[in-house]
């Protein structure tokens, strides 16, 4: 749940900074797969729905978006505007 919330916060932050191209990396391979395949689990339904709307809807502020898995060792911090 915490990692999904962090991704939602990162998307909201990127949108508020008027970023149009984003690349979010996570050390949660299952979460990345769930987001990119646009699936929703019962436990995370609301958060994943928000992520889906922010990232993939026709009203999305992002022209391009990429979600990928990285090992925890290489996972970096959020870039701020």
PDB file of N, CA and C in Angstrom:
ATOM      1  N   UNK A   1       0.820  -1.197   0.000  1.00  0.00           N
ATOM      2  CA  UNK A   1       0.000   0.000   0.000  1.00  0.00           C
ATOM      3  C   UNK A   1       0.860   1.255   0.000  1.00  0.00           C
ATOM      4  N   UNK A   2       1.921   1.285   0.804  1.00  0.00           N
ATOM      5  CA  UNK A   2       2.762   2.477   0.911  1.00  0.00           C
ATOM      6  C   UNK A   2       3.427   2.820  -0.418  1.00  0.00           C
ATOM      7  N   UNK A   3       3.861   1.816  -1.157  1.00  0.00           N
ATOM      8  CA  UNK A   3       4.539   2.081  -2.433  1.00  0.00           C
ATOM      9  C   UNK A   3       3.553   2.592  -3.481  1.00  0.00           C
ATOM     10  N   UNK A   4       2.338   2.075  -3.470  1.00  0.00           N
ATOM     11  CA  UNK A   4       1.310   2.572  -4.392  1.00  0.00           C
ATOM     12  C   UNK A   4       0.953   4.019  -4.049  1.00  0.00           C
ATOM     13  N   UNK A   5       0.839   4.323  -2.768  1.00  0.00           N
ATOM     14  CA  UNK A   5       0.570   5.705  -2.350  1.00  0.00           C
ATOM     15  C   UNK A   5       1.715   6.628  -2.762  1.00  0.00           C
ATOM     16  N   UNK A   6       2.942   6.157  -2.641  1.00  0.00           N
ATOM     17  CA  UNK A   6       4.101   6.973  -3.035  1.00  0.00           C
ATOM     18  C   UNK A   6       4.069   7.259  -4.534  1.00  0.00           C
ATOM     19  N   UNK A   7       3.659   6.299  -5.328  1.00  0.00           N
ATOM     20  CA  UNK A   7       3.565   6.522  -6.778  1.00  0.00           C
ATOM     21  C   UNK A   7       2.458   7.519  -7.085  1.00  0.00           C
ATOM     22  N   UNK A   8       1.336   7.407  -6.398  1.00  0.00           N
ATOM     23  CA  UNK A   8       0.256   8.387  -6.614  1.00  0.00           C
ATOM     24  C   UNK A   8       0.728   9.792  -6.241  1.00  0.00           C
ATOM     25  N   UNK A   9       1.422   9.921  -5.129  1.00  0.00           N
ATOM     26  CA  UNK A   9       1.948  11.228  -4.715  1.00  0.00           C
ATOM     27  C   UNK A   9       2.955  11.751  -5.742  1.00  0.00           C
ATOM     28  N   UNK A  10       3.811  10.879  -6.254  1.00  0.00           N
ATOM     29  CA  UNK A  10       4.797  11.297  -7.260  1.00  0.00           C
ATOM     30  C   UNK A  10       4.111  11.772  -8.532  1.00  0.00           C
ATOM     31  N   UNK A  11       3.053  11.093  -8.959  1.00  0.00           N
ATOM     32  CA  UNK A  11       2.311  11.524 -10.146  1.00  0.00           C
ATOM     33  C   UNK A  11       1.646  12.879  -9.918  1.00  0.00           C
ATOM     34  N   UNK A  12       1.046  13.057  -8.756  1.00  0.00           N
ATOM     35  CA  UNK A  12       0.423  14.349  -8.438  1.00  0.00           C
ATOM     36  C   UNK A  12       1.462  15.459  -8.405  1.00  0.00           C
ATOM     37  N   UNK A  13       2.613  15.174  -7.829  1.00  0.00           N
ATOM     38  CA  UNK A  13       3.689  16.157  -7.771  1.00  0.00           C
ATOM     39  C   UNK A  13       4.182  16.500  -9.176  1.00  0.00           C
ATOM     40  N   UNK A  14       4.397  15.491 -10.001  1.00  0.00           N
ATOM     41  CA  UNK A  14       4.868  15.730 -11.369  1.00  0.00           C
ATOM     42  C   UNK A  14       3.852  16.556 -12.153  1.00  0.00           C
ATOM     43  N   UNK A  15       2.580  16.264 -11.970  1.00  0.00           N
ATOM     44  CA  UNK A  15       1.541  17.040 -12.646  1.00  0.00           C
ATOM     45  C   UNK A  15       1.538  18.484 -12.163  1.00  0.00           C
ATOM     46  N   UNK A  16       1.726  18.704 -10.865  1.00  0.00           N
ATOM     47  CA  UNK A  16       1.735  20.070 -10.330  1.00  0.00           C
ATOM     48  C   UNK A  16       2.951  20.860 -10.815  1.00  0.00           C
ATOM     49  N   UNK A  17       4.016  20.161 -11.188  1.00  0.00           N
ATOM     50  CA  UNK A  17       5.219  20.804 -11.725  1.00  0.00           C
ATOM     51  C   UNK A  17       5.154  20.956 -13.254  1.00  0.00           C
ATOM     52  N   UNK A  18       4.024  20.568 -13.821  1.00  0.00           N
ATOM     53  CA  UNK A  18       3.800  20.652 -15.267  1.00  0.00           C
ATOM     54  C   UNK A  18       4.754  19.786 -16.085  1.00  0.00           C
ATOM     55  N   UNK A  19       5.207  18.680 -15.496  1.00  0.00           N
ATOM     56  CA  UNK A  19       6.007  17.727 -16.269  1.00  0.00           C
ATOM     57  C   UNK A  19       5.087  17.022 -17.254  1.00  0.00           C
ATOM     58  N   UNK A  20       5.562  16.786 -18.451  1.00  0.00           N
ATOM     59  CA  UNK A  20       4.758  16.087 -19.445  1.00  0.00           C
ATOM     60  C   UNK A  20       5.324  14.719 -19.801  1.00  0.00           C
ATOM     61  N   UNK A  21       6.560  14.473 -19.432  1.00  0.00           N
ATOM     62  CA  UNK A  21       7.202  13.182 -19.675  1.00  0.00           C
ATOM     63  C   UNK A  21       7.744  12.684 -18.338  1.00  0.00           C
ATOM     64  N   UNK A  22       7.303  11.511 -17.920  1.00  0.00           N
ATOM     65  CA  UNK A  22       7.743  10.993 -16.629  1.00  0.00           C
ATOM     66  C   UNK A  22       8.227   9.556 -16.764  1.00  0.00           C
ATOM     67  N   UNK A  23       9.128   9.207 -15.887  1.00  0.00           N
ATOM     68  CA  UNK A  23       9.618   7.836 -15.791  1.00  0.00           C
ATOM     69  C   UNK A  23       9.702   7.509 -14.310  1.00  0.00           C
ATOM     70  N   UNK A  24       8.778   6.702 -13.850  1.00  0.00           N
ATOM     71  CA  UNK A  24       8.748   6.304 -12.448  1.00  0.00           C
ATOM     72  C   UNK A  24       9.348   4.913 -12.310  1.00  0.00           C
ATOM     73  N   UNK A  25      10.246   4.784 -11.359  1.00  0.00           N
ATOM     74  CA  UNK A  25      10.899   3.503 -11.093  1.00  0.00           C
ATOM     75  C   UNK A  25      10.524   3.051  -9.694  1.00  0.00           C
ATOM     76  N   UNK A  26      10.303   1.757  -9.557  1.00  0.00           N
ATOM     77  CA  UNK A  26       9.946   1.194  -8.259  1.00  0.00           C
ATOM     78  C   UNK A  26      10.670  -0.121  -8.053  1.00  0.00           C
ATOM     79  N   UNK A  27      10.955  -0.421  -6.807  1.00  0.00           N
ATOM     80  CA  UNK A  27      11.562  -1.712  -6.504  1.00  0.00           C
ATOM     81  C   UNK A  27      10.495  -2.772  -6.214  1.00  0.00           C
ATOM     82  N   UNK A  28       9.247  -2.462  -6.522  1.00  0.00           N
ATOM     83  CA  UNK A  28       8.155  -3.424  -6.378  1.00  0.00           C
ATOM     84  C   UNK A  28       7.729  -3.898  -7.770  1.00  0.00           C
ATOM     85  N   UNK A  29       8.290  -5.020  -8.185  1.00  0.00           N
ATOM     86  CA  UNK A  29       8.012  -5.541  -9.521  1.00  0.00           C
ATOM     87  C   UNK A  29       6.528  -5.850  -9.713  1.00  0.00           C
ATOM     88  N   UNK A  30       5.895  -6.399  -8.686  1.00  0.00           N
ATOM     89  CA  UNK A  30       4.471  -6.707  -8.775  1.00  0.00           C
ATOM     90  C   UNK A  30       3.620  -5.461  -8.956  1.00  0.00           C
ATOM     91  N   UNK A  31       3.957  -4.394  -8.256  1.00  0.00           N
ATOM     92  CA  UNK A  31       3.209  -3.150  -8.378  1.00  0.00           C
ATOM     93  C   UNK A  31       3.403  -2.538  -9.760  1.00  0.00           C
ATOM     94  N   UNK A  32       4.622  -2.538 -10.263  1.00  0.00           N
ATOM     95  CA  UNK A  32       4.879  -2.014 -11.608  1.00  0.00           C
ATOM     96  C   UNK A  32       4.072  -2.808 -12.634  1.00  0.00           C
ATOM     97  N   UNK A  33       4.059  -4.114 -12.507  1.00  0.00           N
ATOM     98  CA  UNK A  33       3.305  -4.959 -13.438  1.00  0.00           C
ATOM     99  C   UNK A  33       1.805  -4.655 -13.344  1.00  0.00           C
ATOM    100  N   UNK A  34       1.310  -4.506 -12.136  1.00  0.00           N
ATOM    101  CA  UNK A  34      -0.111  -4.203 -11.944  1.00  0.00           C
ATOM    102  C   UNK A  34      -0.477  -2.866 -12.585  1.00  0.00           C
ATOM    103  N   UNK A  35       0.372  -1.867 -12.420  1.00  0.00           N
ATOM    104  CA  UNK A  35       0.106  -0.544 -13.000  1.00  0.00           C
ATOM    105  C   UNK A  35       0.176  -0.594 -14.522  1.00  0.00           C
ATOM    106  N   UNK A  36       1.225  -1.182 -15.071  1.00  0.00           N
ATOM    107  CA  UNK A  36       1.395  -1.175 -16.529  1.00  0.00           C
ATOM    108  C   UNK A  36       0.363  -2.045 -17.237  1.00  0.00           C
ATOM    109  N   UNK A  37      -0.117  -3.074 -16.565  1.00  0.00           N
ATOM    110  CA  UNK A  37      -1.155  -3.909 -17.163  1.00  0.00           C
ATOM    111  C   UNK A  37      -2.554  -3.383 -16.836  1.00  0.00           C
ATOM    112  N   UNK A  38      -2.585  -2.301 -16.090  1.00  0.00           N
ATOM    113  CA  UNK A  38      -3.811  -1.595 -15.726  1.00  0.00           C
ATOM    114  C   UNK A  38      -4.808  -2.501 -15.014  1.00  0.00           C
ATOM    115  N   UNK A  39      -4.268  -3.304 -14.113  1.00  0.00           N
ATOM    116  CA  UNK A  39      -5.098  -4.168 -13.268  1.00  0.00           C
ATOM    117  C   UNK A  39      -5.311  -3.489 -11.929  1.00  0.00           C
ATOM    118  N   UNK A  40      -6.332  -3.938 -11.227  1.00  0.00           N
ATOM    119  CA  UNK A  40      -6.607  -3.391  -9.896  1.00  0.00           C
ATOM    120  C   UNK A  40      -6.871  -4.540  -8.938  1.00  0.00           C
ATOM    121  N   UNK A  41      -6.196  -4.499  -7.827  1.00  0.00           N
ATOM    122  CA  UNK A  41      -6.464  -5.481  -6.780  1.00  0.00           C
ATOM    123  C   UNK A  41      -7.489  -4.894  -5.818  1.00  0.00           C
ATOM    124  N   UNK A  42      -8.177  -5.751  -5.121  1.00  0.00           N
ATOM    125  CA  UNK A  42      -9.201  -5.295  -4.178  1.00  0.00           C
ATOM    126  C   UNK A  42      -8.588  -4.395  -3.121  1.00  0.00           C
ATOM    127  N   UNK A  43      -7.419  -4.786  -2.592  1.00  0.00           N
ATOM    128  CA  UNK A  43      -6.801  -4.035  -1.506  1.00  0.00           C
ATOM    129  C   UNK A  43      -6.372  -2.630  -1.936  1.00  0.00           C
ATOM    130  N   UNK A  44      -5.986  -2.485  -3.194  1.00  0.00           N
ATOM    131  CA  UNK A  44      -5.446  -1.207  -3.671  1.00  0.00           C
ATOM    132  C   UNK A  44      -6.341  -0.548  -4.722  1.00  0.00           C
ATOM    133  N   UNK A  45      -7.577  -0.937  -4.791  1.00  0.00           N
ATOM    134  CA  UNK A  45      -8.450  -0.487  -5.875  1.00  0.00           C
ATOM    135  C   UNK A  45      -8.481   1.036  -6.013  1.00  0.00           C
ATOM    136  N   UNK A  46      -8.715   1.746  -4.928  1.00  0.00           N
ATOM    137  CA  UNK A  46      -8.839   3.209  -4.993  1.00  0.00           C
ATOM    138  C   UNK A  46      -7.531   3.871  -5.439  1.00  0.00           C
ATOM    139  N   UNK A  47      -6.439   3.449  -4.860  1.00  0.00           N
ATOM    140  CA  UNK A  47      -5.142   4.047  -5.197  1.00  0.00           C
ATOM    141  C   UNK A  47      -4.765   3.723  -6.639  1.00  0.00           C
ATOM    142  N   UNK A  48      -4.966   2.470  -7.062  1.00  0.00           N
ATOM    143  CA  UNK A  48      -4.639   2.091  -8.440  1.00  0.00           C
ATOM    144  C   UNK A  48      -5.558   2.788  -9.437  1.00  0.00           C
ATOM    145  N   UNK A  49      -6.796   3.023  -9.058  1.00  0.00           N
ATOM    146  CA  UNK A  49      -7.708   3.783  -9.927  1.00  0.00           C
ATOM    147  C   UNK A  49      -7.211   5.214 -10.111  1.00  0.00           C
ATOM    148  N   UNK A  50      -6.745   5.822  -9.033  1.00  0.00           N
ATOM    149  CA  UNK A  50      -6.183   7.174  -9.122  1.00  0.00           C
ATOM    150  C   UNK A  50      -4.943   7.190 -10.011  1.00  0.00           C
ATOM    151  N   UNK A  51      -4.067   6.213  -9.833  1.00  0.00           N
ATOM    152  CA  UNK A  51      -2.851   6.124 -10.649  1.00  0.00           C
ATOM    153  C   UNK A  51      -3.226   5.963 -12.113  1.00  0.00           C
ATOM    154  N   UNK A  52      -4.193   5.099 -12.390  1.00  0.00           N
ATOM    155  CA  UNK A  52      -4.632   4.873 -13.765  1.00  0.00           C
ATOM    156  C   UNK A  52      -5.180   6.161 -14.387  1.00  0.00           C
ATOM    157  N   UNK A  53      -5.991   6.883 -13.649  1.00  0.00           N
ATOM    158  CA  UNK A  53      -6.542   8.143 -14.164  1.00  0.00           C
ATOM    159  C   UNK A  53      -5.442   9.178 -14.410  1.00  0.00           C
ATOM    160  N   UNK A  54      -4.532   9.300 -13.466  1.00  0.00           N
ATOM    161  CA  UNK A  54      -3.451  10.279 -13.604  1.00  0.00           C
ATOM    162  C   UNK A  54      -2.511   9.946 -14.762  1.00  0.00           C
ATOM    163  N   UNK A  55      -2.234   8.676 -14.950  1.00  0.00           N
ATOM    164  CA  UNK A  55      -1.211   8.286 -15.918  1.00  0.00           C
ATOM    165  C   UNK A  55      -1.754   7.950 -17.301  1.00  0.00           C
ATOM    166  N   UNK A  56      -2.945   7.361 -17.381  1.00  0.00           N
ATOM    167  CA  UNK A  56      -3.375   6.783 -18.650  1.00  0.00           C
ATOM    168  C   UNK A  56      -4.655   7.361 -19.245  1.00  0.00           C
ATOM    169  N   UNK A  57      -5.374   8.183 -18.527  1.00  0.00           N
ATOM    170  CA  UNK A  57      -6.639   8.698 -19.068  1.00  0.00           C
ATOM    171  C   UNK A  57      -6.375   9.705 -20.187  1.00  0.00           C
ATOM    172  N   UNK A  58      -7.393   9.979 -20.958  1.00  0.00           N
ATOM    173  CA  UNK A  58      -7.249  10.971 -22.031  1.00  0.00           C
ATOM    174  C   UNK A  58      -7.018  12.366 -21.474  1.00  0.00           C
ATOM    175  N   UNK A  59      -7.382  12.584 -20.218  1.00  0.00           N
ATOM    176  CA  UNK A  59      -7.158  13.872 -19.558  1.00  0.00           C
ATOM    177  C   UNK A  59      -5.829  13.927 -18.810  1.00  0.00           C
ATOM    178  N   UNK A  60      -5.029  12.894 -18.949  1.00  0.00           N
ATOM    179  CA  UNK A  60      -3.754  12.840 -18.237  1.00  0.00           C
ATOM    180  C   UNK A  60      -2.868  14.017 -18.629  1.00  0.00           C
ATOM    181  N   UNK A  61      -2.169  14.606 -17.673  1.00  0.00           N
ATOM    182  CA  UNK A  61      -1.266  15.717 -17.998  1.00  0.00           C
ATOM    183  C   UNK A  61       0.026  15.241 -18.680  1.00  0.00           C
ATOM    184  N   UNK A  62       0.208  13.937 -18.778  1.00  0.00           N
ATOM    185  CA  UNK A  62       1.464  13.404 -19.288  1.00  0.00           C
ATOM    186  C   UNK A  62       1.358  12.959 -20.745  1.00  0.00           C
ATOM    187  N   UNK A  63       2.276  13.446 -21.549  1.00  0.00           N
ATOM    188  CA  UNK A  63       2.364  13.020 -22.944  1.00  0.00           C
ATOM    189  C   UNK A  63       2.935  11.615 -23.014  1.00  0.00           C
ATOM    190  N   UNK A  64       3.937  11.378 -22.205  1.00  0.00           N
ATOM    191  CA  UNK A  64       4.509  10.031 -22.123  1.00  0.00           C
ATOM    192  C   UNK A  64       4.760   9.687 -20.670  1.00  0.00           C
ATOM    193  N   UNK A  65       4.629   8.416 -20.396  1.00  0.00           N
ATOM    194  CA  UNK A  65       4.877   7.939 -19.050  1.00  0.00           C
ATOM    195  C   UNK A  65       5.476   6.549 -19.164  1.00  0.00           C
ATOM    196  N   UNK A  66       6.357   6.261 -18.226  1.00  0.00           N
ATOM    197  CA  UNK A  66       7.020   4.967 -18.190  1.00  0.00           C
ATOM    198  C   UNK A  66       7.122   4.530 -16.736  1.00  0.00           C
ATOM    199  N   UNK A  67       6.780   3.291 -16.499  1.00  0.00           N
ATOM    200  CA  UNK A  67       6.912   2.688 -15.181  1.00  0.00           C
ATOM    201  C   UNK A  67       7.844   1.499 -15.334  1.00  0.00           C
ATOM    202  N   UNK A  68       8.840   1.415 -14.507  1.00  0.00           N
ATOM    203  CA  UNK A  68       9.746   0.278 -14.613  1.00  0.00           C
ATOM    204  C   UNK A  68      10.244  -0.159 -13.252  1.00  0.00           C
ATOM    205  N   UNK A  69      10.653  -1.416 -13.231  1.00  0.00           N
ATOM    206  CA  UNK A  69      11.195  -2.020 -12.029  1.00  0.00           C
ATOM    207  C   UNK A  69      12.697  -1.799 -11.988  1.00  0.00           C
ATOM    208  N   UNK A  70      13.196  -1.434 -10.830  1.00  0.00           N
ATOM    209  CA  UNK A  70      14.636  -1.375 -10.588  1.00  0.00           C
ATOM    210  C   UNK A  70      14.898  -2.026  -9.234  1.00  0.00           C
ATOM    211  N   UNK A  71      16.060  -2.601  -9.094  1.00  0.00           N
ATOM    212  CA  UNK A  71      16.370  -3.203  -7.798  1.00  0.00           C
ATOM    213  C   UNK A  71      16.478  -2.098  -6.748  1.00  0.00           C
ATOM    214  N   UNK A  72      16.256  -2.453  -5.537  1.00  0.00           N
ATOM    215  CA  UNK A  72      16.293  -1.484  -4.435  1.00  0.00           C
ATOM    216  C   UNK A  72      17.630  -0.748  -4.385  1.00  0.00           C
ATOM    217  N   UNK A  73      18.686  -1.440  -4.752  1.00  0.00           N
ATOM    218  CA  UNK A  73      20.027  -0.851  -4.730  1.00  0.00           C
ATOM    219  C   UNK A  73      20.137   0.359  -5.662  1.00  0.00           C
ATOM    220  N   UNK A  74      19.419   0.321  -6.795  1.00  0.00           N
ATOM    221  CA  UNK A  74      19.527   1.389  -7.783  1.00  0.00           C
ATOM    222  C   UNK A  74      18.359   2.373  -7.752  1.00  0.00           C
ATOM    223  N   UNK A  75      17.420   2.178  -6.847  1.00  0.00           N
ATOM    224  CA  UNK A  75      16.253   3.045  -6.790  1.00  0.00           C
ATOM    225  C   UNK A  75      16.655   4.404  -6.226  1.00  0.00           C
ATOM    226  N   UNK A  76      16.369   5.481  -6.969  1.00  0.00           N
ATOM    227  CA  UNK A  76      16.767   6.827  -6.556  1.00  0.00           C
ATOM    228  C   UNK A  76      15.621   7.612  -5.959  1.00  0.00           C
ATOM    229  N   UNK A  77      15.885   8.859  -5.692  1.00  0.00           N
ATOM    230  CA  UNK A  77      14.897   9.731  -5.074  1.00  0.00           C
ATOM    231  C   UNK A  77      14.128  10.506  -6.124  1.00  0.00           C
ATOM    232  N   UNK A  78      13.010  11.047  -5.696  1.00  0.00           N
ATOM    233  CA  UNK A  78      12.158  11.873  -6.519  1.00  0.00           C
ATOM    234  C   UNK A  78      12.871  13.164  -6.885  1.00  0.00           C
ATOM    235  N   UNK A  79      12.743  13.562  -8.137  1.00  0.00           N
ATOM    236  CA  UNK A  79      13.271  14.858  -8.575  1.00  0.00           C
ATOM    237  C   UNK A  79      12.172  15.888  -8.382  1.00  0.00           C
ATOM    238  N   UNK A  80      12.505  16.987  -7.749  1.00  0.00           N
ATOM    239  CA  UNK A  80      11.498  18.004  -7.475  1.00  0.00           C
ATOM    240  C   UNK A  80      11.591  19.134  -8.487  1.00  0.00           C
ATOM    241  N   UNK A  81      10.493  19.887  -8.589  1.00  0.00           N
ATOM    242  CA  UNK A  81      10.485  21.011  -9.540  1.00  0.00           C
ATOM    243  C   UNK A  81      11.016  22.276  -8.905  1.00  0.00           C
TER     244      UNK A  81
END
